[in-house]
Amino acid sequence: GDAWEERFVVRSFPETKTPNALVSVKRYFPVEPGEFEVFIRLLDVNSGRESSVEGEIEVEGLGGGTLGLAEPLFGECRADTATGGYQFTQNASRRYSSGLDRFCIQCRIYDARAGTDSAGYHLSYEIKDHTGTTVSEGDTLLNPSDDGSFLLRPDVTRFFLGSYSLELEVKAGDRKDDTRARFDIDAVTVPLGQQWDIM
C-alpha cells in the first residue's frame, strides 16, 4: 500500500464546483500476475470530507510469452516546442466532447527480449463503431522509447457521436500481442442535420 498528499490548483473558485471536472493521478505498484483487491480512500484535508472505492483487478502479465501491450491510456496530445515532440495529457473518462484534433493514445510495449529484434515492432490499429464496422485503421513500424512507450494519433475528427472500440496489435518476428479498449465521442463533428442526409 501507499499514502501520499497532492495539491491541485485551479484559476478561479467557480472551477472548484464544476461537476464534470476530472483529475487523474497515477501510482505504480510492482506486483506479480494474479488477482487483487484494491481499496482507494480519498480525503480532502481542508474540509475533512472523504470518499472511497474498492474493486477487484486482474494482472495478466505476459502469460508465459515474451511480448505484451499495456492497457492504452486515452488523452490529448499538444505540440511541445521545447522537445519538438508532443505532450500527453490523460483523459480518464475516455469521453471526448471537444478537441478531437488532439485525440491521442499512449501505450507501452513490454518485451522480455528487447533488442533482439533489430527490425523493431510492427504496430497496427483498428477502430470500430458500435455496429462493429471498421471506421479507421492503420499500421506502422515502431521503435519505442527506452521504457517501451509510444503515442498513437489516429484521426477521429469526422467520427459521429457514439461509442467506439480500439484494437491494437504489436508484432516482433513471430511474436505478437493485442489489446482492446473503448472510448466515446460526444462532440458534434458535422453540421447539425447533415448526418441525416442518407435517411
N, C-alpha and C. Protein backbone atom coordinates (compact mmCIF):
# COMPACT_ATOMS: atom_id res chain seq x y z
N GLY A 1 0.81 -1.20 0.00
CA GLY A 1 0.00 0.00 0.00
C GLY A 1 0.85 1.25 0.00
N ASP A 2 0.17 2.39 -0.04
CA ASP A 2 0.88 3.66 -0.07
C ASP A 2 -0.09 4.77 0.34
N ALA A 3 0.45 5.88 0.79
CA ALA A 3 -0.35 7.07 1.11
C ALA A 3 0.46 8.28 0.70
N TRP A 4 -0.20 9.29 0.13
CA TRP A 4 0.50 10.49 -0.30
C TRP A 4 -0.46 11.67 -0.31
N GLU A 5 0.11 12.86 -0.42
CA GLU A 5 -0.69 14.08 -0.46
C GLU A 5 -0.36 14.85 -1.73
N GLU A 6 -1.38 15.36 -2.40
CA GLU A 6 -1.19 16.17 -3.61
C GLU A 6 -2.05 17.41 -3.53
N ARG A 7 -1.57 18.49 -4.12
CA ARG A 7 -2.28 19.77 -4.13
C ARG A 7 -2.70 20.10 -5.56
N PHE A 8 -3.97 20.45 -5.75
CA PHE A 8 -4.48 20.80 -7.07
C PHE A 8 -4.92 22.26 -7.05
N VAL A 9 -4.50 23.01 -8.05
CA VAL A 9 -4.78 24.45 -8.12
C VAL A 9 -5.60 24.74 -9.38
N VAL A 10 -6.64 25.56 -9.22
CA VAL A 10 -7.45 26.00 -10.36
C VAL A 10 -7.39 27.53 -10.45
N ARG A 11 -7.83 28.07 -11.59
CA ARG A 11 -7.69 29.50 -11.83
C ARG A 11 -8.72 30.34 -11.09
N SER A 12 -9.89 29.75 -10.80
CA SER A 12 -10.94 30.54 -10.14
C SER A 12 -11.79 29.63 -9.25
N PHE A 13 -12.50 30.24 -8.29
CA PHE A 13 -13.33 29.45 -7.38
C PHE A 13 -14.45 28.68 -8.09
N PRO A 14 -15.14 29.27 -9.09
CA PRO A 14 -16.21 28.51 -9.77
C PRO A 14 -15.74 27.18 -10.35
N GLU A 15 -14.45 27.10 -10.72
CA GLU A 15 -13.93 25.85 -11.27
C GLU A 15 -13.93 24.74 -10.24
N THR A 16 -13.91 25.09 -8.97
CA THR A 16 -13.92 24.05 -7.92
C THR A 16 -15.28 23.40 -7.80
N LYS A 17 -16.30 24.01 -8.41
CA LYS A 17 -17.67 23.48 -8.32
C LYS A 17 -18.14 22.90 -9.65
N THR A 18 -17.22 22.76 -10.62
CA THR A 18 -17.59 22.21 -11.93
C THR A 18 -17.83 20.71 -11.80
N PRO A 19 -19.04 20.22 -12.10
CA PRO A 19 -19.35 18.80 -11.87
C PRO A 19 -18.62 17.84 -12.80
N ASN A 20 -18.18 18.31 -13.99
CA ASN A 20 -17.53 17.40 -14.92
C ASN A 20 -16.01 17.54 -14.91
N ALA A 21 -15.46 18.23 -13.91
CA ALA A 21 -14.01 18.37 -13.80
C ALA A 21 -13.40 17.03 -13.39
N LEU A 22 -12.30 16.66 -14.02
CA LEU A 22 -11.64 15.39 -13.74
C LEU A 22 -10.17 15.63 -13.40
N VAL A 23 -9.67 14.90 -12.43
CA VAL A 23 -8.26 14.94 -12.07
C VAL A 23 -7.74 13.51 -12.12
N SER A 24 -6.64 13.32 -12.81
CA SER A 24 -6.06 11.98 -12.94
C SER A 24 -4.76 11.90 -12.15
N VAL A 25 -4.63 10.88 -11.33
CA VAL A 25 -3.43 10.66 -10.53
C VAL A 25 -2.93 9.24 -10.79
N LYS A 26 -1.64 9.09 -11.01
CA LYS A 26 -1.06 7.78 -11.28
C LYS A 26 -0.18 7.34 -10.12
N ARG A 27 -0.26 6.07 -9.81
CA ARG A 27 0.63 5.46 -8.82
C ARG A 27 0.96 4.07 -9.33
N TYR A 28 2.22 3.69 -9.26
CA TYR A 28 2.66 2.40 -9.79
C TYR A 28 3.10 1.48 -8.65
N PHE A 29 2.65 0.22 -8.73
CA PHE A 29 2.99 -0.78 -7.72
C PHE A 29 3.50 -2.04 -8.44
N PRO A 30 4.71 -2.46 -8.15
CA PRO A 30 5.20 -3.71 -8.76
C PRO A 30 4.51 -4.92 -8.12
N VAL A 31 3.82 -5.71 -8.94
CA VAL A 31 3.14 -6.90 -8.44
C VAL A 31 3.33 -8.04 -9.43
N GLU A 32 3.16 -9.24 -8.96
CA GLU A 32 3.20 -10.42 -9.81
C GLU A 32 1.84 -10.60 -10.48
N PRO A 33 1.77 -11.32 -11.60
CA PRO A 33 0.47 -11.61 -12.21
C PRO A 33 -0.45 -12.32 -11.23
N GLY A 34 -1.74 -11.98 -11.26
CA GLY A 34 -2.70 -12.59 -10.37
C GLY A 34 -3.91 -11.70 -10.16
N GLU A 35 -4.79 -12.08 -9.25
CA GLU A 35 -5.98 -11.31 -8.93
C GLU A 35 -5.78 -10.57 -7.61
N PHE A 36 -6.24 -9.31 -7.58
CA PHE A 36 -6.00 -8.48 -6.41
C PHE A 36 -7.27 -7.70 -6.06
N GLU A 37 -7.42 -7.40 -4.78
CA GLU A 37 -8.46 -6.50 -4.32
C GLU A 37 -7.83 -5.14 -4.06
N VAL A 38 -8.48 -4.08 -4.57
CA VAL A 38 -7.94 -2.74 -4.46
C VAL A 38 -8.90 -1.87 -3.65
N PHE A 39 -8.36 -1.14 -2.70
CA PHE A 39 -9.15 -0.19 -1.91
C PHE A 39 -8.48 1.17 -1.98
N ILE A 40 -9.24 2.19 -2.38
CA ILE A 40 -8.71 3.55 -2.51
C ILE A 40 -9.55 4.49 -1.66
N ARG A 41 -8.90 5.31 -0.85
CA ARG A 41 -9.59 6.28 0.01
C ARG A 41 -9.04 7.66 -0.29
N LEU A 42 -9.93 8.62 -0.52
CA LEU A 42 -9.56 10.00 -0.81
C LEU A 42 -10.07 10.90 0.30
N LEU A 43 -9.18 11.70 0.87
CA LEU A 43 -9.54 12.60 1.96
C LEU A 43 -9.16 14.03 1.58
N ASP A 44 -10.14 14.94 1.66
CA ASP A 44 -9.88 16.37 1.48
C ASP A 44 -9.42 16.92 2.82
N VAL A 45 -8.15 17.30 2.91
CA VAL A 45 -7.59 17.69 4.21
C VAL A 45 -8.14 19.03 4.68
N ASN A 46 -8.72 19.83 3.77
CA ASN A 46 -9.28 21.12 4.18
C ASN A 46 -10.69 20.97 4.76
N SER A 47 -11.54 20.21 4.09
CA SER A 47 -12.93 20.08 4.54
C SER A 47 -13.14 18.87 5.43
N GLY A 48 -12.23 17.89 5.37
CA GLY A 48 -12.40 16.67 6.14
C GLY A 48 -13.31 15.65 5.46
N ARG A 49 -13.85 15.99 4.29
CA ARG A 49 -14.73 15.06 3.57
C ARG A 49 -13.89 13.98 2.90
N GLU A 50 -14.46 12.81 2.80
CA GLU A 50 -13.72 11.72 2.19
C GLU A 50 -14.61 10.85 1.33
N SER A 51 -13.98 10.09 0.46
CA SER A 51 -14.67 9.16 -0.43
C SER A 51 -13.78 7.94 -0.60
N SER A 52 -14.40 6.80 -0.88
CA SER A 52 -13.60 5.59 -1.06
C SER A 52 -14.26 4.70 -2.11
N VAL A 53 -13.45 3.82 -2.66
CA VAL A 53 -13.94 2.86 -3.65
C VAL A 53 -13.08 1.61 -3.54
N GLU A 54 -13.66 0.48 -3.84
CA GLU A 54 -12.90 -0.76 -3.85
C GLU A 54 -13.37 -1.64 -4.99
N GLY A 55 -12.50 -2.53 -5.41
CA GLY A 55 -12.84 -3.41 -6.52
C GLY A 55 -11.77 -4.46 -6.70
N GLU A 56 -11.96 -5.29 -7.69
CA GLU A 56 -11.02 -6.36 -7.99
C GLU A 56 -10.38 -6.11 -9.36
N ILE A 57 -9.10 -6.39 -9.47
CA ILE A 57 -8.41 -6.29 -10.74
C ILE A 57 -7.61 -7.55 -10.98
N GLU A 58 -7.34 -7.82 -12.24
CA GLU A 58 -6.52 -8.97 -12.60
C GLU A 58 -5.31 -8.48 -13.39
N VAL A 59 -4.13 -8.84 -12.93
CA VAL A 59 -2.89 -8.51 -13.62
C VAL A 59 -2.48 -9.74 -14.42
N GLU A 60 -2.51 -9.59 -15.74
CA GLU A 60 -2.29 -10.76 -16.60
C GLU A 60 -0.82 -11.07 -16.82
N GLY A 61 0.04 -10.06 -16.81
CA GLY A 61 1.44 -10.29 -17.15
C GLY A 61 1.56 -10.65 -18.62
N LEU A 62 2.61 -11.33 -18.98
CA LEU A 62 2.83 -11.72 -20.38
C LEU A 62 2.27 -13.10 -20.68
N GLY A 63 1.67 -13.74 -19.68
CA GLY A 63 1.03 -15.03 -19.92
C GLY A 63 1.96 -16.10 -20.45
N GLY A 64 3.21 -16.08 -20.03
CA GLY A 64 4.17 -17.08 -20.50
C GLY A 64 4.87 -16.66 -21.77
N GLY A 65 4.45 -15.57 -22.40
CA GLY A 65 5.09 -15.09 -23.61
C GLY A 65 6.20 -14.11 -23.28
N THR A 66 6.73 -13.46 -24.31
CA THR A 66 7.82 -12.51 -24.10
C THR A 66 7.50 -11.13 -24.65
N LEU A 67 6.28 -10.95 -25.22
CA LEU A 67 5.90 -9.67 -25.80
C LEU A 67 4.50 -9.30 -25.34
N GLY A 68 4.29 -8.07 -24.91
CA GLY A 68 2.97 -7.67 -24.42
C GLY A 68 2.71 -6.19 -24.64
N LEU A 69 1.42 -5.83 -24.65
CA LEU A 69 0.97 -4.45 -24.75
C LEU A 69 0.25 -4.06 -23.47
N ALA A 70 0.54 -2.89 -22.95
CA ALA A 70 -0.17 -2.39 -21.78
C ALA A 70 -1.56 -1.93 -22.20
N GLU A 71 -2.43 -1.66 -21.21
CA GLU A 71 -3.73 -1.09 -21.50
C GLU A 71 -3.54 0.33 -22.01
N PRO A 72 -4.17 0.70 -23.13
CA PRO A 72 -3.99 2.05 -23.68
C PRO A 72 -4.54 3.12 -22.75
N LEU A 73 -3.85 4.25 -22.70
CA LEU A 73 -4.32 5.43 -21.98
C LEU A 73 -4.81 6.44 -23.02
N PHE A 74 -6.04 6.93 -22.85
CA PHE A 74 -6.61 7.89 -23.79
C PHE A 74 -6.38 9.31 -23.27
N GLY A 75 -6.18 10.24 -24.19
CA GLY A 75 -5.95 11.61 -23.77
C GLY A 75 -5.85 12.55 -24.94
N GLU A 76 -5.08 13.62 -24.76
CA GLU A 76 -4.85 14.63 -25.79
C GLU A 76 -3.35 14.86 -25.92
N CYS A 77 -2.92 15.16 -27.14
CA CYS A 77 -1.52 15.49 -27.41
C CYS A 77 -1.43 16.92 -27.91
N ARG A 78 -0.55 17.68 -27.31
CA ARG A 78 -0.27 19.04 -27.74
C ARG A 78 1.20 19.15 -28.09
N ALA A 79 1.51 19.94 -29.11
CA ALA A 79 2.89 20.12 -29.53
C ALA A 79 3.72 20.70 -28.40
N ASP A 80 4.90 20.11 -28.18
CA ASP A 80 5.82 20.58 -27.15
C ASP A 80 6.99 21.26 -27.85
N THR A 81 7.01 22.60 -27.83
CA THR A 81 8.05 23.34 -28.55
C THR A 81 9.43 23.12 -27.96
N ALA A 82 9.49 22.75 -26.70
CA ALA A 82 10.79 22.56 -26.05
C ALA A 82 11.50 21.31 -26.56
N THR A 83 10.72 20.24 -26.80
CA THR A 83 11.32 18.97 -27.22
C THR A 83 11.10 18.68 -28.70
N GLY A 84 10.15 19.39 -29.32
CA GLY A 84 9.84 19.10 -30.71
C GLY A 84 8.89 17.93 -30.87
N GLY A 85 8.46 17.35 -29.75
CA GLY A 85 7.53 16.22 -29.80
C GLY A 85 6.14 16.64 -29.34
N TYR A 86 5.48 15.74 -28.60
CA TYR A 86 4.14 16.01 -28.11
C TYR A 86 4.07 15.78 -26.61
N GLN A 87 3.24 16.56 -25.94
CA GLN A 87 2.98 16.39 -24.52
C GLN A 87 1.62 15.74 -24.35
N PHE A 88 1.59 14.63 -23.63
CA PHE A 88 0.37 13.84 -23.46
C PHE A 88 -0.32 14.20 -22.15
N THR A 89 -1.64 14.45 -22.23
CA THR A 89 -2.46 14.67 -21.04
C THR A 89 -3.59 13.66 -21.05
N GLN A 90 -3.70 12.87 -19.99
CA GLN A 90 -4.67 11.78 -19.96
C GLN A 90 -6.09 12.28 -19.80
N ASN A 91 -7.02 11.62 -20.49
CA ASN A 91 -8.46 11.83 -20.34
C ASN A 91 -9.01 10.57 -19.67
N ALA A 92 -9.15 10.61 -18.34
CA ALA A 92 -9.51 9.41 -17.60
C ALA A 92 -10.91 8.91 -17.93
N SER A 93 -11.80 9.79 -18.37
CA SER A 93 -13.17 9.38 -18.66
C SER A 93 -13.31 8.69 -20.01
N ARG A 94 -12.31 8.89 -20.89
CA ARG A 94 -12.36 8.36 -22.27
C ARG A 94 -13.55 8.91 -23.06
N ARG A 95 -14.04 10.08 -22.66
CA ARG A 95 -15.13 10.75 -23.37
C ARG A 95 -14.58 12.05 -23.96
N TYR A 96 -14.92 12.30 -25.23
CA TYR A 96 -14.40 13.47 -25.92
C TYR A 96 -15.56 14.33 -26.40
N SER A 97 -15.68 15.53 -25.85
CA SER A 97 -16.73 16.46 -26.26
C SER A 97 -16.16 17.61 -27.08
N SER A 98 -14.84 17.70 -27.17
CA SER A 98 -14.17 18.74 -27.95
C SER A 98 -12.72 18.31 -28.15
N GLY A 99 -12.00 19.09 -28.95
CA GLY A 99 -10.58 18.83 -29.15
C GLY A 99 -10.27 17.52 -29.83
N LEU A 100 -11.11 17.09 -30.77
CA LEU A 100 -10.87 15.80 -31.44
C LEU A 100 -9.59 15.80 -32.26
N ASP A 101 -9.14 16.99 -32.69
CA ASP A 101 -7.88 17.06 -33.44
C ASP A 101 -6.68 16.76 -32.55
N ARG A 102 -6.89 16.75 -31.23
CA ARG A 102 -5.80 16.44 -30.30
C ARG A 102 -5.91 15.03 -29.73
N PHE A 103 -6.88 14.24 -30.23
CA PHE A 103 -7.10 12.87 -29.76
C PHE A 103 -5.78 12.09 -29.84
N CYS A 104 -5.47 11.40 -28.76
CA CYS A 104 -4.16 10.75 -28.67
C CYS A 104 -4.25 9.54 -27.74
N ILE A 105 -3.45 8.54 -28.03
CA ILE A 105 -3.39 7.32 -27.21
C ILE A 105 -1.95 7.06 -26.83
N GLN A 106 -1.74 6.81 -25.56
CA GLN A 106 -0.41 6.44 -25.08
C GLN A 106 -0.44 4.97 -24.67
N CYS A 107 0.55 4.23 -25.10
CA CYS A 107 0.60 2.80 -24.75
C CYS A 107 2.06 2.42 -24.55
N ARG A 108 2.26 1.18 -24.13
CA ARG A 108 3.62 0.72 -23.83
C ARG A 108 3.78 -0.73 -24.25
N ILE A 109 4.94 -1.01 -24.82
CA ILE A 109 5.30 -2.38 -25.20
C ILE A 109 6.20 -2.96 -24.12
N TYR A 110 5.86 -4.17 -23.68
CA TYR A 110 6.71 -4.91 -22.75
C TYR A 110 7.36 -6.05 -23.53
N ASP A 111 8.68 -6.05 -23.56
CA ASP A 111 9.40 -7.05 -24.35
C ASP A 111 10.53 -7.64 -23.51
N ALA A 112 10.37 -8.92 -23.16
CA ALA A 112 11.39 -9.60 -22.37
C ALA A 112 12.63 -9.91 -23.19
N ARG A 113 12.52 -9.76 -24.51
CA ARG A 113 13.67 -9.99 -25.39
C ARG A 113 14.04 -8.72 -26.13
N ALA A 114 13.87 -7.58 -25.48
CA ALA A 114 14.14 -6.28 -26.12
C ALA A 114 15.56 -6.24 -26.66
N GLY A 115 15.67 -5.72 -27.89
CA GLY A 115 16.99 -5.58 -28.51
C GLY A 115 17.35 -6.73 -29.43
N THR A 116 16.60 -7.82 -29.38
CA THR A 116 16.92 -8.98 -30.22
C THR A 116 16.25 -8.91 -31.58
N ASP A 117 15.21 -8.07 -31.72
CA ASP A 117 14.52 -7.90 -33.00
C ASP A 117 14.94 -6.56 -33.60
N SER A 118 15.99 -6.59 -34.43
CA SER A 118 16.55 -5.35 -34.95
C SER A 118 15.60 -4.61 -35.87
N ALA A 119 14.59 -5.31 -36.41
CA ALA A 119 13.65 -4.67 -37.33
C ALA A 119 12.62 -3.83 -36.59
N GLY A 120 12.62 -3.86 -35.26
CA GLY A 120 11.65 -3.10 -34.48
C GLY A 120 10.32 -3.82 -34.38
N TYR A 121 9.27 -3.05 -34.18
CA TYR A 121 7.94 -3.62 -33.96
C TYR A 121 6.98 -3.15 -35.04
N HIS A 122 6.12 -4.06 -35.46
CA HIS A 122 5.06 -3.71 -36.41
C HIS A 122 3.79 -3.49 -35.60
N LEU A 123 3.28 -2.25 -35.60
CA LEU A 123 2.09 -1.91 -34.83
C LEU A 123 0.94 -1.63 -35.79
N SER A 124 -0.20 -2.23 -35.52
CA SER A 124 -1.40 -1.96 -36.31
C SER A 124 -2.56 -1.64 -35.37
N TYR A 125 -3.47 -0.80 -35.86
CA TYR A 125 -4.64 -0.46 -35.06
C TYR A 125 -5.89 -0.50 -35.92
N GLU A 126 -7.03 -0.70 -35.26
CA GLU A 126 -8.33 -0.71 -35.92
C GLU A 126 -9.35 -0.11 -34.97
N ILE A 127 -10.15 0.82 -35.46
CA ILE A 127 -11.21 1.43 -34.65
C ILE A 127 -12.55 1.03 -35.26
N LYS A 128 -13.45 0.51 -34.42
CA LYS A 128 -14.76 0.07 -34.89
C LYS A 128 -15.86 0.84 -34.17
N ASP A 129 -16.97 1.08 -34.88
CA ASP A 129 -18.10 1.76 -34.25
C ASP A 129 -18.98 0.75 -33.52
N HIS A 130 -20.15 1.19 -33.03
CA HIS A 130 -21.00 0.33 -32.20
C HIS A 130 -21.59 -0.85 -32.99
N THR A 131 -21.55 -0.79 -34.32
CA THR A 131 -22.06 -1.90 -35.14
C THR A 131 -20.97 -2.91 -35.48
N GLY A 132 -19.73 -2.61 -35.10
CA GLY A 132 -18.62 -3.49 -35.43
C GLY A 132 -17.98 -3.15 -36.76
N THR A 133 -18.42 -2.05 -37.39
CA THR A 133 -17.85 -1.63 -38.67
C THR A 133 -16.53 -0.89 -38.45
N THR A 134 -15.51 -1.25 -39.20
CA THR A 134 -14.22 -0.57 -39.10
C THR A 134 -14.32 0.83 -39.70
N VAL A 135 -14.01 1.85 -38.90
CA VAL A 135 -14.09 3.24 -39.37
C VAL A 135 -12.72 3.88 -39.52
N SER A 136 -11.69 3.24 -39.00
CA SER A 136 -10.33 3.74 -39.15
C SER A 136 -9.36 2.61 -38.88
N GLU A 137 -8.27 2.58 -39.62
CA GLU A 137 -7.24 1.57 -39.40
C GLU A 137 -5.92 2.07 -39.94
N GLY A 138 -4.85 1.49 -39.46
CA GLY A 138 -3.53 1.89 -39.93
C GLY A 138 -2.47 1.00 -39.32
N ASP A 139 -1.25 1.13 -39.82
CA ASP A 139 -0.13 0.36 -39.28
C ASP A 139 1.16 1.13 -39.51
N THR A 140 2.15 0.81 -38.72
CA THR A 140 3.44 1.49 -38.81
C THR A 140 4.53 0.62 -38.21
N LEU A 141 5.77 0.89 -38.58
CA LEU A 141 6.92 0.28 -37.93
C LEU A 141 7.33 1.18 -36.79
N LEU A 142 7.62 0.59 -35.65
CA LEU A 142 7.79 1.36 -34.43
C LEU A 142 9.08 1.01 -33.73
N ASN A 143 9.80 2.04 -33.31
CA ASN A 143 10.94 1.90 -32.41
C ASN A 143 10.60 2.69 -31.16
N PRO A 144 10.02 2.05 -30.15
CA PRO A 144 9.56 2.78 -28.97
C PRO A 144 10.72 3.34 -28.16
N SER A 145 10.37 4.22 -27.21
CA SER A 145 11.38 4.82 -26.34
C SER A 145 11.99 3.76 -25.43
N ASP A 146 12.95 4.18 -24.62
CA ASP A 146 13.66 3.23 -23.75
C ASP A 146 12.72 2.48 -22.82
N ASP A 147 11.63 3.13 -22.39
CA ASP A 147 10.70 2.46 -21.48
C ASP A 147 9.58 1.74 -22.24
N GLY A 148 9.66 1.70 -23.58
CA GLY A 148 8.68 0.96 -24.38
C GLY A 148 7.44 1.75 -24.73
N SER A 149 7.35 3.02 -24.31
CA SER A 149 6.12 3.78 -24.52
C SER A 149 6.09 4.41 -25.91
N PHE A 150 4.88 4.66 -26.41
CA PHE A 150 4.71 5.31 -27.70
C PHE A 150 3.37 6.04 -27.72
N LEU A 151 3.21 6.97 -28.64
CA LEU A 151 1.98 7.72 -28.84
C LEU A 151 1.38 7.37 -30.19
N LEU A 152 0.07 7.25 -30.22
CA LEU A 152 -0.67 6.96 -31.45
C LEU A 152 -1.71 8.06 -31.64
N ARG A 153 -1.78 8.65 -32.85
CA ARG A 153 -2.67 9.78 -33.09
C ARG A 153 -3.58 9.51 -34.29
N PRO A 154 -4.54 8.59 -34.20
CA PRO A 154 -5.48 8.38 -35.30
C PRO A 154 -6.40 9.58 -35.47
N ASP A 155 -6.84 9.84 -36.69
CA ASP A 155 -7.72 10.97 -36.97
C ASP A 155 -9.16 10.58 -36.67
N VAL A 156 -9.75 11.21 -35.67
CA VAL A 156 -11.15 10.92 -35.30
C VAL A 156 -12.03 12.16 -35.48
N THR A 157 -11.54 13.16 -36.19
CA THR A 157 -12.26 14.43 -36.30
C THR A 157 -13.57 14.31 -37.06
N ARG A 158 -13.77 13.23 -37.83
CA ARG A 158 -15.01 13.07 -38.59
C ARG A 158 -15.89 11.97 -38.00
N PHE A 159 -15.56 11.49 -36.83
CA PHE A 159 -16.38 10.46 -36.20
C PHE A 159 -17.69 11.07 -35.70
N PHE A 160 -18.80 10.31 -35.84
CA PHE A 160 -20.09 10.74 -35.33
C PHE A 160 -20.15 10.51 -33.82
N LEU A 161 -21.18 11.04 -33.20
CA LEU A 161 -21.46 10.75 -31.80
C LEU A 161 -21.59 9.25 -31.60
N GLY A 162 -21.02 8.72 -30.53
CA GLY A 162 -21.20 7.30 -30.26
C GLY A 162 -20.03 6.67 -29.53
N SER A 163 -20.13 5.36 -29.34
CA SER A 163 -19.09 4.58 -28.68
C SER A 163 -18.26 3.85 -29.72
N TYR A 164 -16.97 3.76 -29.44
CA TYR A 164 -16.04 3.13 -30.37
C TYR A 164 -15.11 2.19 -29.61
N SER A 165 -14.58 1.20 -30.33
CA SER A 165 -13.61 0.29 -29.73
C SER A 165 -12.30 0.38 -30.50
N LEU A 166 -11.22 0.40 -29.77
CA LEU A 166 -9.88 0.43 -30.35
C LEU A 166 -9.23 -0.92 -30.17
N GLU A 167 -8.65 -1.45 -31.24
CA GLU A 167 -7.90 -2.70 -31.18
C GLU A 167 -6.47 -2.43 -31.63
N LEU A 168 -5.51 -2.77 -30.78
CA LEU A 168 -4.10 -2.60 -31.07
C LEU A 168 -3.42 -3.96 -31.15
N GLU A 169 -2.51 -4.13 -32.10
CA GLU A 169 -1.73 -5.36 -32.19
C GLU A 169 -0.28 -5.01 -32.47
N VAL A 170 0.64 -5.65 -31.77
CA VAL A 170 2.07 -5.46 -31.99
C VAL A 170 2.68 -6.80 -32.37
N LYS A 171 3.60 -6.77 -33.33
CA LYS A 171 4.31 -7.97 -33.76
C LYS A 171 5.80 -7.70 -33.78
N ALA A 172 6.56 -8.72 -33.40
CA ALA A 172 8.01 -8.67 -33.50
C ALA A 172 8.47 -10.06 -33.92
N GLY A 173 8.79 -10.21 -35.18
CA GLY A 173 9.11 -11.54 -35.69
C GLY A 173 7.88 -12.42 -35.63
N ASP A 174 8.02 -13.59 -34.99
CA ASP A 174 6.88 -14.50 -34.87
C ASP A 174 6.11 -14.30 -33.56
N ARG A 175 6.43 -13.27 -32.82
CA ARG A 175 5.74 -12.97 -31.56
C ARG A 175 4.73 -11.85 -31.77
N LYS A 176 3.63 -11.91 -31.04
CA LYS A 176 2.63 -10.85 -31.16
C LYS A 176 1.77 -10.79 -29.90
N ASP A 177 1.10 -9.65 -29.72
CA ASP A 177 0.15 -9.48 -28.63
C ASP A 177 -0.85 -8.41 -29.06
N ASP A 178 -2.02 -8.39 -28.43
CA ASP A 178 -3.02 -7.37 -28.77
C ASP A 178 -3.76 -6.93 -27.52
N THR A 179 -4.43 -5.79 -27.63
CA THR A 179 -5.21 -5.25 -26.53
C THR A 179 -6.38 -4.46 -27.11
N ARG A 180 -7.43 -4.28 -26.31
CA ARG A 180 -8.64 -3.59 -26.75
C ARG A 180 -9.11 -2.63 -25.67
N ALA A 181 -9.74 -1.54 -26.10
CA ALA A 181 -10.29 -0.56 -25.16
C ALA A 181 -11.38 0.23 -25.86
N ARG A 182 -12.28 0.82 -25.06
CA ARG A 182 -13.41 1.58 -25.60
C ARG A 182 -13.29 3.06 -25.25
N PHE A 183 -13.87 3.91 -26.11
CA PHE A 183 -13.94 5.33 -25.84
C PHE A 183 -15.21 5.89 -26.48
N ASP A 184 -15.57 7.12 -26.09
CA ASP A 184 -16.81 7.74 -26.57
C ASP A 184 -16.55 9.10 -27.17
N ILE A 185 -17.27 9.40 -28.25
CA ILE A 185 -17.25 10.72 -28.87
C ILE A 185 -18.57 11.40 -28.54
N ASP A 186 -18.49 12.54 -27.86
CA ASP A 186 -19.69 13.31 -27.52
C ASP A 186 -19.81 14.58 -28.35
N ALA A 187 -18.82 14.85 -29.20
CA ALA A 187 -18.81 16.09 -29.97
C ALA A 187 -19.60 15.93 -31.25
N VAL A 188 -20.27 17.01 -31.69
CA VAL A 188 -20.93 17.04 -32.99
C VAL A 188 -19.87 17.41 -34.02
N THR A 189 -19.54 16.48 -34.91
CA THR A 189 -18.40 16.66 -35.81
C THR A 189 -18.79 17.07 -37.21
N VAL A 190 -20.10 17.16 -37.50
CA VAL A 190 -20.55 17.62 -38.81
C VAL A 190 -21.63 18.66 -38.59
N PRO A 191 -21.93 19.50 -39.61
CA PRO A 191 -23.01 20.48 -39.43
C PRO A 191 -24.30 19.81 -39.01
N LEU A 192 -25.00 20.38 -38.05
CA LEU A 192 -26.20 19.78 -37.48
C LEU A 192 -27.21 19.43 -38.57
N GLY A 193 -27.64 18.18 -38.59
CA GLY A 193 -28.61 17.71 -39.57
C GLY A 193 -27.97 17.00 -40.74
N GLN A 194 -26.67 17.25 -41.00
CA GLN A 194 -26.04 16.63 -42.17
C GLN A 194 -25.97 15.12 -42.04
N GLN A 195 -25.85 14.63 -40.79
CA GLN A 195 -25.75 13.19 -40.60
C GLN A 195 -27.02 12.45 -40.96
N TRP A 196 -28.12 13.19 -41.21
CA TRP A 196 -29.39 12.53 -41.56
C TRP A 196 -29.67 12.56 -43.07
N ASP A 197 -28.71 13.04 -43.87
CA ASP A 197 -28.95 13.18 -45.31
C ASP A 197 -29.27 11.85 -45.99
N ILE A 198 -28.75 10.73 -45.44
CA ILE A 198 -28.94 9.44 -46.11
C ILE A 198 -30.27 8.80 -45.74
N MET A 199 -31.02 9.39 -44.82
CA MET A 199 -32.26 8.77 -44.37
C MET A 199 -33.41 9.12 -45.31
